[in-house]
Every structure is written in structure tokens, then in C-alpha cells.
């Protein structure tokens, strides 16, 4: 069994440098599942991405309602899973080449007014749901 006894979801670490929701023991758990069974590894990734979905939806809604003139493109969010974290980020990337239309403070606004509050709303649910799913995956592991 992987060396994870419980799920603890850390806070949003901010923009700049692949930061997001930290799940303790995630790299070790992913490695262990991958070595044992690729289906379990895929199920783990899907579970983590699914757990971030309510945060993504709430962050998109909060961005539209709490940030003036954000527009549909920049309020849309995406989720992702890496070896070390699960993240929610704006779906759109890049900057507008027109200097009159740039918003240099948009990253901070998204973090402060949409992403961090969305995580706070769902933090307990994420820990509970991922914990339950991990219990199921561990029981599947023990059957092998």
C-alpha cells in the first residue's frame, strides 16, 4: 500500500511557477499505482481531476461576478493534474498584443477574487471525497 495514511489538501500557493493545490504524498502514490496497475493510475488521475471540478466551476462563476469587464474568455477555467499537484487555471493563455487592452493585474485579481475563495468553499469536500475514493483504490490494491 502507498505511504499515504490520509489526504491533506494544502492551500493555493499562487501564480508563477506551477503552483496550485498540494496533496501530500501524491508523487509516491502515483508512482506506486502506476507500477502496480495502469488502470488504478488512470483512475487516480481521474479522481483528482474530478475533485477539482467544483473549484473550477466556482472559480469561473466568481471571476465573472467579482472582476469587472473580465469577459467570457478569461473567466473560463481548466483543471490539470501533475506529479505533485492538482491545479485550476485560466483556460486562456497569453497576452493581448494591444497595450491598451492589457490587464497586468488580472492574475492577482483571479487569484484573490475567484480561485482562492473557490478553493476555500470546497476544501472540506475535496478532502472528504478524495479520501473516500483513495480508500476505494486502496481496497482494490489490496485485492491484487
Foldseek 3Di string as FASTA:
>chain_A
DFPDDAWDWDAFPADDDPTAIFTPRQLRVLVVCVVVDVVLNVVLQVLLQVLCVQLQVQLLVQCVVPPPPCDNQQSHWHWGDDSGDIHIHRPDDDADPPPVPGDPCVRVCSVVRGRRVSCVVCVVVSRVSSRVVVVVSVVVVVVD
